[in-house]
Amino acid sequence: MATRFVVLDTETTGMPVTDGHRIIEIGCVELIGRRLTGRNFHVYLQPDRSSDEGAIGVHGITDQFLEGKPRFAEVADEFFDFIEGAQLIIHNAAFDVGFINNEFALMGQAHRADITQHCSVLDTLMMARERHPGQRNSLDALCKRYGVDNSGRDLHGALLDSEILADVYLAMTGGQTSLSLAGNSSDGAGEGSANQGSEIRRLPADRPRSIVIRATDDELAEHAGRLEIIAKAAGAPALWAQLLEAENAAAN
């Protein structure tokens, strides 16, 4: 069974969480088998406090806009059900995980106050730093590096950033990706009446797809030669060659 991934992002009233700041937006998109399934979770939240001016400058979500939105406790069960058991893909995971844990702790739900006990977490910022040491590894920088369209990201938005991060993650981990939806459903979790219409910033459906660069004949020949060198040094075929041989045998 293919691994279920949930790409997740939050927006907050400010930082750090230890100063009493709260989550005001959660956005998640689901990936299974390296494909977007169309199942999303998205909600704006009433934090019962004002947002810092600096934070509003980043995400553009005003205190007035959040009036009448649900509180975290009202969506906590639905949110937890959506992420439970998945591998969470988050850019700068410590930030988002810390805020999510805090929200559950404020509810008195100690059994949910550490979501790493219920989900595995992959931090794309840490991954990018390992792959590109000494370079800028913000989400915008990664979009530029991997050719991911982020032209609609004038302001941060949890659902928009999750969709962009899904593109970036797939580009970072495979290059050739398929982002077409498994279905055209728009009734994913968390898309209730509080989150309809122009409130939600989404990626355009006709955005440019990731570029596929195929190996040349010379590169393939060089790769085959490298495998032969490995086989001679190890006294056995390279693992890659063994896997390829097994796949060919199964196909026949």
C-alpha atoms as a PDB file:
ATOM      1  CA  MET A   1       0.000   0.000   0.000  1.00  0.00           C
ATOM      2  CA  ALA A   2       1.369   3.429  -0.973  1.00  0.00           C
ATOM      3  CA  THR A   3       2.470   5.727   1.830  1.00  0.00           C
ATOM      4  CA  ARG A   4      -0.011   8.451   2.698  1.00  0.00           C
ATOM      5  CA  PHE A   5       1.588  11.882   2.874  1.00  0.00           C
ATOM      6  CA  VAL A   6      -0.022  15.066   4.161  1.00  0.00           C
ATOM      7  CA  VAL A   7       1.679  18.313   3.173  1.00  0.00           C
ATOM      8  CA  LEU A   8       0.907  20.789   5.938  1.00  0.00           C
ATOM      9  CA  ASP A   9       1.334  24.480   6.683  1.00  0.00           C
ATOM     10  CA  THR A  10       0.009  26.890   9.296  1.00  0.00           C
ATOM     11  CA  GLU A  11      -0.248  30.650   9.703  1.00  0.00           C
ATOM     12  CA  THR A  12      -0.137  32.206  13.165  1.00  0.00           C
ATOM     13  CA  THR A  13      -0.720  35.435  15.068  1.00  0.00           C
ATOM     14  CA  GLY A  14       3.049  35.797  15.404  1.00  0.00           C
ATOM     15  CA  MET A  15       5.951  34.063  17.057  1.00  0.00           C
ATOM     16  CA  PRO A  16       7.187  32.432  19.205  1.00  0.00           C
ATOM     17  CA  VAL A  17       4.518  30.105  20.531  1.00  0.00           C
ATOM     18  CA  THR A  18       5.869  30.639  24.061  1.00  0.00           C
ATOM     19  CA  ASP A  19       4.633  34.250  23.887  1.00  0.00           C
ATOM     20  CA  GLY A  20       1.057  33.037  23.641  1.00  0.00           C
ATOM     21  CA  HIS A  21       0.717  33.174  19.868  1.00  0.00           C
ATOM     22  CA  ARG A  22      -1.910  30.970  18.253  1.00  0.00           C
ATOM     23  CA  ILE A  23      -2.713  29.288  14.941  1.00  0.00           C
ATOM     24  CA  ILE A  24      -5.101  31.201  12.669  1.00  0.00           C
ATOM     25  CA  GLU A  25      -4.987  29.028   9.533  1.00  0.00           C
ATOM     26  CA  ILE A  26      -4.250  25.375   8.757  1.00  0.00           C
ATOM     27  CA  GLY A  27      -3.875  24.023   5.242  1.00  0.00           C
ATOM     28  CA  CYS A  28      -3.185  20.405   4.242  1.00  0.00           C
ATOM     29  CA  VAL A  29      -3.127  18.497   0.956  1.00  0.00           C
ATOM     30  CA  GLU A  30      -2.990  14.707   0.652  1.00  0.00           C
ATOM     31  CA  LEU A  31      -0.522  12.774  -1.512  1.00  0.00           C
ATOM     32  CA  ILE A  32      -0.719   9.035  -2.169  1.00  0.00           C
ATOM     33  CA  GLY A  33       1.625   7.341  -4.608  1.00  0.00           C
ATOM     34  CA  ARG A  34       3.177  10.718  -5.516  1.00  0.00           C
ATOM     35  CA  ARG A  35      -0.187  12.004  -6.721  1.00  0.00           C
ATOM     36  CA  LEU A  36      -2.485  14.644  -5.277  1.00  0.00           C
ATOM     37  CA  THR A  37      -5.707  12.899  -4.301  1.00  0.00           C
ATOM     38  CA  GLY A  38      -7.903  15.992  -4.157  1.00  0.00           C
ATOM     39  CA  ARG A  39      -8.526  15.542  -0.422  1.00  0.00           C
ATOM     40  CA  ASN A  40      -7.637  18.703   1.461  1.00  0.00           C
ATOM     41  CA  PHE A  41      -8.118  20.099   4.941  1.00  0.00           C
ATOM     42  CA  HIS A  42      -8.377  23.859   5.273  1.00  0.00           C
ATOM     43  CA  VAL A  43      -9.713  26.140   7.973  1.00  0.00           C
ATOM     44  CA  TYR A  44      -9.297  29.667   9.334  1.00  0.00           C
ATOM     45  CA  LEU A  45      -9.392  29.939  13.128  1.00  0.00           C
ATOM     46  CA  GLN A  46     -10.418  32.503  15.724  1.00  0.00           C
ATOM     47  CA  PRO A  47      -7.354  32.761  18.022  1.00  0.00           C
ATOM     48  CA  ASP A  48      -8.936  34.882  20.787  1.00  0.00           C
ATOM     49  CA  ARG A  49      -6.070  37.353  20.558  1.00  0.00           C
ATOM     50  CA  SER A  50      -4.799  39.917  18.075  1.00  0.00           C
ATOM     51  CA  SER A  51      -2.151  39.222  15.462  1.00  0.00           C
ATOM     52  CA  ASP A  52       1.150  41.091  15.395  1.00  0.00           C
ATOM     53  CA  GLU A  53       1.438  43.692  12.652  1.00  0.00           C
ATOM     54  CA  GLY A  54       4.514  41.903  11.316  1.00  0.00           C
ATOM     55  CA  ALA A  55       2.588  38.636  10.999  1.00  0.00           C
ATOM     56  CA  ILE A  56      -0.308  40.345   9.200  1.00  0.00           C
ATOM     57  CA  GLY A  57       2.233  41.788   6.791  1.00  0.00           C
ATOM     58  CA  VAL A  58       3.306  38.227   5.940  1.00  0.00           C
ATOM     59  CA  HIS A  59      -0.059  36.480   5.564  1.00  0.00           C
ATOM     60  CA  GLY A  60      -2.538  39.341   5.216  1.00  0.00           C
ATOM     61  CA  ILE A  61      -5.078  37.743   7.576  1.00  0.00           C
ATOM     62  CA  THR A  62      -6.604  40.479   9.718  1.00  0.00           C
ATOM     63  CA  ASP A  63      -8.275  40.203  13.113  1.00  0.00           C
ATOM     64  CA  GLN A  64     -11.528  41.426  11.545  1.00  0.00           C
ATOM     65  CA  PHE A  65     -11.449  38.641   8.934  1.00  0.00           C
ATOM     66  CA  LEU A  66     -11.135  36.019  11.684  1.00  0.00           C
ATOM     67  CA  GLU A  67     -14.184  37.216  13.599  1.00  0.00           C
ATOM     68  CA  GLY A  68     -16.792  34.444  13.654  1.00  0.00           C
ATOM     69  CA  LYS A  69     -14.366  31.760  12.482  1.00  0.00           C
ATOM     70  CA  PRO A  70     -14.280  28.500  14.511  1.00  0.00           C
ATOM     71  CA  ARG A  71     -11.852  27.993  17.359  1.00  0.00           C
ATOM     72  CA  PHE A  72      -9.271  25.208  17.204  1.00  0.00           C
ATOM     73  CA  ALA A  73     -11.214  23.074  19.674  1.00  0.00           C
ATOM     74  CA  GLU A  74     -14.170  23.013  17.258  1.00  0.00           C
ATOM     75  CA  VAL A  75     -12.125  21.465  14.421  1.00  0.00           C
ATOM     76  CA  ALA A  76      -9.547  19.532  16.462  1.00  0.00           C
ATOM     77  CA  ASP A  77     -11.097  16.092  15.965  1.00  0.00           C
ATOM     78  CA  GLU A  78     -11.558  16.553  12.224  1.00  0.00           C
ATOM     79  CA  PHE A  79      -8.000  17.848  11.853  1.00  0.00           C
ATOM     80  CA  PHE A  80      -6.508  15.029  13.912  1.00  0.00           C
ATOM     81  CA  ASP A  81      -8.415  12.415  11.926  1.00  0.00           C
ATOM     82  CA  PHE A  82      -7.054  13.897   8.701  1.00  0.00           C
ATOM     83  CA  ILE A  83      -3.388  13.763   9.737  1.00  0.00           C
ATOM     84  CA  GLU A  84      -3.313  10.688  11.984  1.00  0.00           C
ATOM     85  CA  GLY A  85      -1.022   7.943  10.678  1.00  0.00           C
ATOM     86  CA  ALA A  86       0.278  10.010   7.767  1.00  0.00           C
ATOM     87  CA  GLN A  87       3.793  11.196   7.074  1.00  0.00           C
ATOM     88  CA  LEU A  88       3.614  14.961   7.447  1.00  0.00           C
ATOM     89  CA  ILE A  89       5.680  17.020   5.008  1.00  0.00           C
ATOM     90  CA  ILE A  90       6.363  20.449   6.507  1.00  0.00           C
ATOM     91  CA  HIS A  91       8.835  23.227   5.694  1.00  0.00           C
ATOM     92  CA  ASN A  92      10.497  24.212   8.982  1.00  0.00           C
ATOM     93  CA  ALA A  93       8.575  21.532  10.835  1.00  0.00           C
ATOM     94  CA  ALA A  94       9.619  22.579  14.340  1.00  0.00           C
ATOM     95  CA  PHE A  95       7.596  25.793  13.970  1.00  0.00           C
ATOM     96  CA  ASP A  96       4.329  24.206  12.825  1.00  0.00           C
ATOM     97  CA  VAL A  97       4.595  21.129  15.060  1.00  0.00           C
ATOM     98  CA  GLY A  98       5.236  23.329  18.080  1.00  0.00           C
ATOM     99  CA  PHE A  99       2.114  25.401  17.421  1.00  0.00           C
ATOM    100  CA  ILE A 100      -0.064  22.342  16.730  1.00  0.00           C
ATOM    101  CA  ASN A 101       1.117  20.624  19.907  1.00  0.00           C
ATOM    102  CA  ASN A 102       0.382  23.808  21.844  1.00  0.00           C
ATOM    103  CA  GLU A 103      -3.196  23.973  20.551  1.00  0.00           C
ATOM    104  CA  PHE A 104      -3.896  20.408  21.680  1.00  0.00           C
ATOM    105  CA  ALA A 105      -2.202  21.090  25.028  1.00  0.00           C
ATOM    106  CA  LEU A 106      -4.387  24.159  25.591  1.00  0.00           C
ATOM    107  CA  MET A 107      -7.403  21.892  25.124  1.00  0.00           C
ATOM    108  CA  GLY A 108      -6.075  19.605  27.865  1.00  0.00           C
ATOM    109  CA  GLN A 109      -5.576  16.755  25.380  1.00  0.00           C
ATOM    110  CA  ALA A 110      -2.240  15.433  26.603  1.00  0.00           C
ATOM    111  CA  HIS A 111      -2.533  12.319  24.423  1.00  0.00           C
ATOM    112  CA  ARG A 112      -2.479  14.542  21.308  1.00  0.00           C
ATOM    113  CA  ALA A 113      -0.027  17.167  22.562  1.00  0.00           C
ATOM    114  CA  ASP A 114       2.828  15.531  20.651  1.00  0.00           C
ATOM    115  CA  ILE A 115       1.684  14.777  17.113  1.00  0.00           C
ATOM    116  CA  THR A 116       4.969  12.991  16.381  1.00  0.00           C
ATOM    117  CA  GLN A 117       3.488  10.121  18.415  1.00  0.00           C
ATOM    118  CA  HIS A 118       0.729   9.813  15.827  1.00  0.00           C
ATOM    119  CA  CYS A 119       2.474  10.890  12.603  1.00  0.00           C
ATOM    120  CA  SER A 120       5.972  10.782  11.195  1.00  0.00           C
ATOM    121  CA  VAL A 121       7.374  14.170  10.151  1.00  0.00           C
ATOM    122  CA  LEU A 122       9.605  15.035   7.206  1.00  0.00           C
ATOM    123  CA  ASP A 123      11.121  18.531   7.354  1.00  0.00           C
ATOM    124  CA  THR A 124      11.800  19.806   3.830  1.00  0.00           C
ATOM    125  CA  LEU A 125      13.880  22.676   5.217  1.00  0.00           C
ATOM    126  CA  MET A 126      16.301  20.205   6.815  1.00  0.00           C
ATOM    127  CA  MET A 127      16.289  18.145   3.612  1.00  0.00           C
ATOM    128  CA  ALA A 128      17.073  21.226   1.534  1.00  0.00           C
ATOM    129  CA  ARG A 129      19.893  22.295   3.862  1.00  0.00           C
ATOM    130  CA  GLU A 130      21.507  18.873   3.501  1.00  0.00           C
ATOM    131  CA  ARG A 131      21.223  18.981  -0.290  1.00  0.00           C
ATOM    132  CA  HIS A 132      22.100  22.649  -0.753  1.00  0.00           C
ATOM    133  CA  PRO A 133      24.436  23.674   2.096  1.00  0.00           C
ATOM    134  CA  GLY A 134      25.253  27.346   2.309  1.00  0.00           C
ATOM    135  CA  GLN A 135      22.394  28.354   0.011  1.00  0.00           C
ATOM    136  CA  ARG A 136      19.045  29.997   0.663  1.00  0.00           C
ATOM    137  CA  ASN A 137      16.443  27.305   1.289  1.00  0.00           C
ATOM    138  CA  SER A 138      13.252  29.247   1.869  1.00  0.00           C
ATOM    139  CA  LEU A 139      10.180  27.973   0.048  1.00  0.00           C
ATOM    140  CA  ASP A 140      10.486  30.772  -2.512  1.00  0.00           C
ATOM    141  CA  ALA A 141      14.177  29.943  -3.072  1.00  0.00           C
ATOM    142  CA  LEU A 142      13.352  26.263  -3.590  1.00  0.00           C
ATOM    143  CA  CYS A 143      10.602  27.159  -6.056  1.00  0.00           C
ATOM    144  CA  LYS A 144      13.149  29.093  -8.115  1.00  0.00           C
ATOM    145  CA  ARG A 145      15.736  26.307  -7.835  1.00  0.00           C
ATOM    146  CA  TYR A 146      13.355  23.537  -8.908  1.00  0.00           C
ATOM    147  CA  GLY A 147      11.287  25.472 -11.421  1.00  0.00           C
ATOM    148  CA  VAL A 148       8.064  25.434  -9.407  1.00  0.00           C
ATOM    149  CA  ASP A 149       5.596  28.215 -10.220  1.00  0.00           C
ATOM    150  CA  ASN A 150       4.864  30.380  -7.171  1.00  0.00           C
ATOM    151  CA  SER A 151       3.721  33.485  -9.030  1.00  0.00           C
ATOM    152  CA  GLY A 152       0.489  33.589  -7.023  1.00  0.00           C
ATOM    153  CA  ARG A 153       2.299  33.760  -3.681  1.00  0.00           C
ATOM    154  CA  ASP A 154       2.150  37.503  -3.011  1.00  0.00           C
ATOM    155  CA  LEU A 155       1.189  36.668   0.579  1.00  0.00           C
ATOM    156  CA  HIS A 156       1.653  33.481   2.571  1.00  0.00           C
ATOM    157  CA  GLY A 157      -1.404  31.248   2.854  1.00  0.00           C
ATOM    158  CA  ALA A 158      -1.502  27.838   4.527  1.00  0.00           C
ATOM    159  CA  LEU A 159      -3.358  25.983   1.760  1.00  0.00           C
ATOM    160  CA  LEU A 160      -1.523  27.745  -1.072  1.00  0.00           C
ATOM    161  CA  ASP A 161       1.845  27.108   0.567  1.00  0.00           C
ATOM    162  CA  SER A 162       0.963  23.436   1.109  1.00  0.00           C
ATOM    163  CA  GLU A 163       0.172  23.035  -2.584  1.00  0.00           C
ATOM    164  CA  ILE A 164       3.425  24.762  -3.559  1.00  0.00           C
ATOM    165  CA  LEU A 165       5.393  22.661  -1.067  1.00  0.00           C
ATOM    166  CA  ALA A 166       3.873  19.492  -2.547  1.00  0.00           C
ATOM    167  CA  ASP A 167       5.281  20.518  -5.945  1.00  0.00           C
ATOM    168  CA  VAL A 168       8.664  21.291  -4.397  1.00  0.00           C
ATOM    169  CA  TYR A 169       8.813  18.036  -2.421  1.00  0.00           C
ATOM    170  CA  LEU A 170       8.025  15.943  -5.496  1.00  0.00           C
ATOM    171  CA  ALA A 171      10.650  17.815  -7.512  1.00  0.00           C
ATOM    172  CA  MET A 172      13.249  17.359  -4.753  1.00  0.00           C
ATOM    173  CA  THR A 173      12.609  13.643  -4.373  1.00  0.00           C
ATOM    174  CA  GLY A 174      12.142  12.471  -7.920  1.00  0.00           C
ATOM    175  CA  GLY A 175      12.217  15.194 -10.514  1.00  0.00           C
ATOM    176  CA  GLN A 176       9.638  13.524 -12.761  1.00  0.00           C
ATOM    177  CA  THR A 177       6.325  13.912 -10.993  1.00  0.00           C
ATOM    178  CA  SER A 178       2.643  13.498 -11.662  1.00  0.00           C
ATOM    179  CA  LEU A 179       0.564  16.107  -9.891  1.00  0.00           C
ATOM    180  CA  SER A 180      -2.731  15.425 -11.648  1.00  0.00           C
ATOM    181  CA  LEU A 181      -5.549  14.763  -9.250  1.00  0.00           C
ATOM    182  CA  ALA A 182      -6.852  11.264  -8.752  1.00  0.00           C
ATOM    183  CA  GLY A 183     -10.305  12.850  -8.977  1.00  0.00           C
ATOM    184  CA  ASN A 184     -11.932  16.236  -9.343  1.00  0.00           C
ATOM    185  CA  SER A 185     -13.618  16.174  -5.956  1.00  0.00           C
ATOM    186  CA  SER A 186     -13.872  19.462  -4.120  1.00  0.00           C
ATOM    187  CA  ASP A 187     -15.510  18.067  -0.995  1.00  0.00           C
ATOM    188  CA  GLY A 188     -12.307  17.349   0.929  1.00  0.00           C
ATOM    189  CA  ALA A 189     -12.204  17.511   4.688  1.00  0.00           C
ATOM    190  CA  GLY A 190     -12.201  20.925   6.275  1.00  0.00           C
ATOM    191  CA  GLU A 191     -13.737  22.798   3.329  1.00  0.00           C
ATOM    192  CA  GLY A 192     -16.925  23.815   5.081  1.00  0.00           C
ATOM    193  CA  SER A 193     -19.013  26.940   4.743  1.00  0.00           C
ATOM    194  CA  ALA A 194     -16.430  29.013   6.601  1.00  0.00           C
ATOM    195  CA  ASN A 195     -13.843  28.483   3.880  1.00  0.00           C
ATOM    196  CA  GLN A 196     -15.559  28.960   0.539  1.00  0.00           C
ATOM    197  CA  GLY A 197     -14.902  31.263  -2.408  1.00  0.00           C
ATOM    198  CA  SER A 198     -12.201  33.873  -2.666  1.00  0.00           C
ATOM    199  CA  GLU A 199     -11.034  33.477   0.922  1.00  0.00           C
ATOM    200  CA  ILE A 200      -8.864  30.500  -0.102  1.00  0.00           C
ATOM    201  CA  ARG A 201      -5.825  31.148  -2.282  1.00  0.00           C
ATOM    202  CA  ARG A 202      -5.085  28.181  -4.566  1.00  0.00           C
ATOM    203  CA  LEU A 203      -2.569  27.370  -7.286  1.00  0.00           C
ATOM    204  CA  PRO A 204      -3.959  27.864 -10.809  1.00  0.00           C
ATOM    205  CA  ALA A 205      -4.876  24.589 -12.532  1.00  0.00           C
ATOM    206  CA  ASP A 206      -2.930  25.599 -15.645  1.00  0.00           C
ATOM    207  CA  ARG A 207       0.325  26.345 -13.818  1.00  0.00           C
ATOM    208  CA  PRO A 208       3.518  25.124 -15.545  1.00  0.00           C
ATOM    209  CA  ARG A 209       4.448  21.540 -14.690  1.00  0.00           C
ATOM    210  CA  SER A 210       7.837  20.392 -13.450  1.00  0.00           C
ATOM    211  CA  ILE A 211      10.420  20.059 -16.224  1.00  0.00           C
ATOM    212  CA  VAL A 212      11.492  16.495 -17.073  1.00  0.00           C
ATOM    213  CA  ILE A 213      15.133  16.177 -18.167  1.00  0.00           C
ATOM    214  CA  ARG A 214      15.860  12.774 -19.692  1.00  0.00           C
ATOM    215  CA  ALA A 215      19.303  11.171 -19.724  1.00  0.00           C
ATOM    216  CA  THR A 216      21.167  11.200 -23.043  1.00  0.00           C
ATOM    217  CA  ASP A 217      22.533   8.026 -24.659  1.00  0.00           C
ATOM    218  CA  ASP A 218      26.039   9.034 -23.567  1.00  0.00           C
ATOM    219  CA  GLU A 219      24.876   9.529 -19.971  1.00  0.00           C
ATOM    220  CA  LEU A 220      23.150   6.152 -19.970  1.00  0.00           C
ATOM    221  CA  ALA A 221      26.314   4.510 -21.293  1.00  0.00           C
ATOM    222  CA  GLU A 222      28.406   6.255 -18.634  1.00  0.00           C
ATOM    223  CA  HIS A 223      25.953   5.047 -15.975  1.00  0.00           C
ATOM    224  CA  ALA A 224      26.206   1.459 -17.241  1.00  0.00           C
ATOM    225  CA  GLY A 225      29.988   1.684 -17.138  1.00  0.00           C
ATOM    226  CA  ARG A 226      29.875   2.947 -13.580  1.00  0.00           C
ATOM    227  CA  LEU A 227      27.718  -0.030 -12.574  1.00  0.00           C
ATOM    228  CA  GLU A 228      30.286  -2.400 -14.092  1.00  0.00           C
ATOM    229  CA  ILE A 229      33.063  -0.763 -12.035  1.00  0.00           C
ATOM    230  CA  ILE A 230      30.995  -1.158  -8.861  1.00  0.00           C
ATOM    231  CA  ALA A 231      30.292  -4.807  -9.696  1.00  0.00           C
ATOM    232  CA  LYS A 232      33.987  -5.578 -10.174  1.00  0.00           C
ATOM    233  CA  ALA A 233      34.960  -3.847  -6.925  1.00  0.00           C
ATOM    234  CA  ALA A 234      32.216  -5.528  -4.910  1.00  0.00           C
ATOM    235  CA  GLY A 235      32.452  -8.930  -6.513  1.00  0.00           C
ATOM    236  CA  ALA A 236      28.722  -8.823  -7.273  1.00  0.00           C
ATOM    237  CA  PRO A 237      26.347  -6.740  -9.378  1.00  0.00           C
ATOM    238  CA  ALA A 238      25.403  -3.358  -7.963  1.00  0.00           C
ATOM    239  CA  LEU A 239      22.145  -3.282  -5.984  1.00  0.00           C
ATOM    240  CA  TRP A 240      20.608  -1.045  -8.644  1.00  0.00           C
ATOM    241  CA  ALA A 241      21.444  -3.627 -11.326  1.00  0.00           C
ATOM    242  CA  GLN A 242      20.053  -6.454  -9.182  1.00  0.00           C
ATOM    243  CA  LEU A 243      16.768  -4.605  -8.707  1.00  0.00           C
ATOM    244  CA  LEU A 244      16.532  -3.867 -12.417  1.00  0.00           C
ATOM    245  CA  GLU A 245      17.209  -7.508 -13.275  1.00  0.00           C
ATOM    246  CA  ALA A 246      14.536  -8.651 -10.824  1.00  0.00           C
ATOM    247  CA  GLU A 247      12.013  -6.226 -12.308  1.00  0.00           C
ATOM    248  CA  ASN A 248      12.767  -7.432 -15.823  1.00  0.00           C
ATOM    249  CA  ALA A 249      12.412 -11.055 -14.736  1.00  0.00           C
ATOM    250  CA  ALA A 250       9.064 -10.325 -13.105  1.00  0.00           C
ATOM    251  CA  ALA A 251       7.846  -8.538 -16.228  1.00  0.00           C
ATOM    252  CA  ASN A 252       8.717 -11.565 -18.346  1.00  0.00           C
END
